Amino acid sequence: MKQVKKDYELINLKKANKKYSLTLTVLLVIIILMAISISIFRFSIPVTKFLTIILLILSSVLILPSYKFLKFVYKDYKGDKNAPLWVPKAFGMV
């Protein structure tokens, strides 16, 4: 019974890993492209301010899924004094 529970937890971890990794990757690429476009192209001041505000909002949004993903991954280590600093590949993080 314990093995079945472990298997379901591993399957759920892999699903969450796919979901969050895709979301985080897309947000990160958008943020990097916006930052590069602000630095390379010379926009007018209102457009630059608007892009900067959008960049700040996207950066804040990037923090939330990152936190939720880490909270999901580390839920098994809550209260453990010997918890790892990161979850190795053997536990489903690729």
C-alpha atoms as a PDB file:
ATOM      1  CA  MET A   1       0.000   0.000   0.000  1.00  0.00           C
ATOM      2  CA  LYS A   2       2.845   2.355   0.806  1.00  0.00           C
ATOM      3  CA  GLN A   3       4.426   1.659  -2.572  1.00  0.00           C
ATOM      4  CA  VAL A   4       1.198   2.558  -4.382  1.00  0.00           C
ATOM      5  CA  LYS A   5       0.992   5.818  -2.430  1.00  0.00           C
ATOM      6  CA  LYS A   6       4.616   6.587  -3.288  1.00  0.00           C
ATOM      7  CA  ASP A   7       3.938   5.883  -6.960  1.00  0.00           C
ATOM      8  CA  TYR A   8       0.957   8.242  -7.011  1.00  0.00           C
ATOM      9  CA  GLU A   9       3.001  10.947  -5.286  1.00  0.00           C
ATOM     10  CA  LEU A  10       5.749  10.502  -7.872  1.00  0.00           C
ATOM     11  CA  ILE A  11       3.232  10.721 -10.727  1.00  0.00           C
ATOM     12  CA  ASN A  12       1.737  13.899  -9.207  1.00  0.00           C
ATOM     13  CA  LEU A  13       5.218  15.340  -8.756  1.00  0.00           C
ATOM     14  CA  LYS A  14       6.058  14.699 -12.402  1.00  0.00           C
ATOM     15  CA  LYS A  15       2.798  16.324 -13.536  1.00  0.00           C
ATOM     16  CA  ALA A  16       3.475  19.367 -11.375  1.00  0.00           C
ATOM     17  CA  ASN A  17       7.037  19.479 -12.651  1.00  0.00           C
ATOM     18  CA  LYS A  18       5.825  19.622 -16.265  1.00  0.00           C
ATOM     19  CA  LYS A  19       3.142  22.204 -15.515  1.00  0.00           C
ATOM     20  CA  TYR A  20       5.295  24.546 -13.492  1.00  0.00           C
ATOM     21  CA  SER A  21       8.424  24.163 -15.601  1.00  0.00           C
ATOM     22  CA  LEU A  22       6.507  25.146 -18.742  1.00  0.00           C
ATOM     23  CA  THR A  23       4.895  28.128 -17.013  1.00  0.00           C
ATOM     24  CA  LEU A  24       8.161  29.291 -15.475  1.00  0.00           C
ATOM     25  CA  THR A  25      10.078  28.878 -18.724  1.00  0.00           C
ATOM     26  CA  VAL A  26       7.555  30.875 -20.761  1.00  0.00           C
ATOM     27  CA  LEU A  27       7.459  33.686 -18.197  1.00  0.00           C
ATOM     28  CA  LEU A  28      11.236  33.792 -17.982  1.00  0.00           C
ATOM     29  CA  VAL A  29      11.628  33.956 -21.762  1.00  0.00           C
ATOM     30  CA  ILE A  30       9.091  36.796 -21.982  1.00  0.00           C
ATOM     31  CA  ILE A  31      10.867  38.717 -19.229  1.00  0.00           C
ATOM     32  CA  ILE A  32      14.275  38.266 -20.838  1.00  0.00           C
ATOM     33  CA  LEU A  33      12.997  39.300 -24.278  1.00  0.00           C
ATOM     34  CA  MET A  34      11.344  42.402 -22.832  1.00  0.00           C
ATOM     35  CA  ALA A  35      14.480  43.355 -20.913  1.00  0.00           C
ATOM     36  CA  ILE A  36      16.632  42.906 -24.024  1.00  0.00           C
ATOM     37  CA  SER A  37      14.211  44.884 -26.189  1.00  0.00           C
ATOM     38  CA  ILE A  38      14.174  47.753 -23.687  1.00  0.00           C
ATOM     39  CA  SER A  39      17.962  47.887 -23.654  1.00  0.00           C
ATOM     40  CA  ILE A  40      18.516  47.475 -27.422  1.00  0.00           C
ATOM     41  CA  PHE A  41      15.733  49.559 -28.933  1.00  0.00           C
ATOM     42  CA  ARG A  42      15.200  53.202 -28.138  1.00  0.00           C
ATOM     43  CA  PHE A  43      11.547  53.622 -27.285  1.00  0.00           C
ATOM     44  CA  SER A  44       9.869  56.835 -26.256  1.00  0.00           C
ATOM     45  CA  ILE A  45       9.704  57.525 -22.524  1.00  0.00           C
ATOM     46  CA  PRO A  46       6.027  56.526 -22.038  1.00  0.00           C
ATOM     47  CA  VAL A  47       6.542  53.245 -23.890  1.00  0.00           C
ATOM     48  CA  THR A  48       9.678  52.506 -21.868  1.00  0.00           C
ATOM     49  CA  LYS A  49       7.825  53.208 -18.612  1.00  0.00           C
ATOM     50  CA  PHE A  50       4.939  50.983 -19.718  1.00  0.00           C
ATOM     51  CA  LEU A  51       7.298  48.130 -20.650  1.00  0.00           C
ATOM     52  CA  THR A  52       9.114  48.529 -17.343  1.00  0.00           C
ATOM     53  CA  ILE A  53       5.842  48.259 -15.417  1.00  0.00           C
ATOM     54  CA  ILE A  54       4.839  45.175 -17.422  1.00  0.00           C
ATOM     55  CA  LEU A  55       8.286  43.700 -16.763  1.00  0.00           C
ATOM     56  CA  LEU A  56       7.880  44.297 -13.030  1.00  0.00           C
ATOM     57  CA  ILE A  57       4.421  42.695 -13.020  1.00  0.00           C
ATOM     58  CA  LEU A  58       5.675  39.645 -14.951  1.00  0.00           C
ATOM     59  CA  SER A  59       8.606  39.309 -12.572  1.00  0.00           C
ATOM     60  CA  SER A  60       6.209  39.333  -9.644  1.00  0.00           C
ATOM     61  CA  VAL A  61       4.014  36.757 -11.353  1.00  0.00           C
ATOM     62  CA  LEU A  62       7.102  34.593 -11.920  1.00  0.00           C
ATOM     63  CA  ILE A  63       7.746  34.492  -8.176  1.00  0.00           C
ATOM     64  CA  LEU A  64       4.312  33.031  -7.340  1.00  0.00           C
ATOM     65  CA  PRO A  65       4.496  29.832  -9.465  1.00  0.00           C
ATOM     66  CA  SER A  66       8.099  29.371  -8.349  1.00  0.00           C
ATOM     67  CA  TYR A  67       7.017  29.482  -4.722  1.00  0.00           C
ATOM     68  CA  LYS A  68       4.083  27.134  -5.320  1.00  0.00           C
ATOM     69  CA  PHE A  69       6.314  24.688  -7.172  1.00  0.00           C
ATOM     70  CA  LEU A  70       8.920  24.658  -4.421  1.00  0.00           C
ATOM     71  CA  LYS A  71       6.209  24.303  -1.789  1.00  0.00           C
ATOM     72  CA  PHE A  72       4.805  21.294  -3.664  1.00  0.00           C
ATOM     73  CA  VAL A  73       8.210  19.661  -4.135  1.00  0.00           C
ATOM     74  CA  TYR A  74       9.410  20.170  -0.550  1.00  0.00           C
ATOM     75  CA  LYS A  75       6.170  19.164   1.228  1.00  0.00           C
ATOM     76  CA  ASP A  76       7.660  15.776   2.137  1.00  0.00           C
ATOM     77  CA  TYR A  77      10.620  17.429   3.881  1.00  0.00           C
ATOM     78  CA  LYS A  78       8.623  19.779   6.130  1.00  0.00           C
ATOM     79  CA  GLY A  79      10.052  19.650   9.650  1.00  0.00           C
ATOM     80  CA  ASP A  80      12.961  17.424   8.635  1.00  0.00           C
ATOM     81  CA  LYS A  81      16.242  18.805   9.988  1.00  0.00           C
ATOM     82  CA  ASN A  82      18.235  16.894   7.380  1.00  0.00           C
ATOM     83  CA  ALA A  83      16.235  18.093   4.377  1.00  0.00           C
ATOM     84  CA  PRO A  84      18.262  18.718   1.216  1.00  0.00           C
ATOM     85  CA  LEU A  85      18.839  22.184  -0.165  1.00  0.00           C
ATOM     86  CA  TRP A  86      17.449  20.995  -3.491  1.00  0.00           C
ATOM     87  CA  VAL A  87      15.570  17.920  -4.613  1.00  0.00           C
ATOM     88  CA  PRO A  88      17.816  15.731  -6.747  1.00  0.00           C
ATOM     89  CA  LYS A  89      16.895  14.201 -10.083  1.00  0.00           C
ATOM     90  CA  ALA A  90      16.030  10.877  -8.441  1.00  0.00           C
ATOM     91  CA  PHE A  91      12.925  12.460  -6.880  1.00  0.00           C
ATOM     92  CA  GLY A  92      11.420  13.592 -10.163  1.00  0.00           C
ATOM     93  CA  MET A  93      13.067  16.944 -10.840  1.00  0.00           C
ATOM     94  CA  VAL A  94      14.623  16.834 -14.281  1.00  0.00           C
END
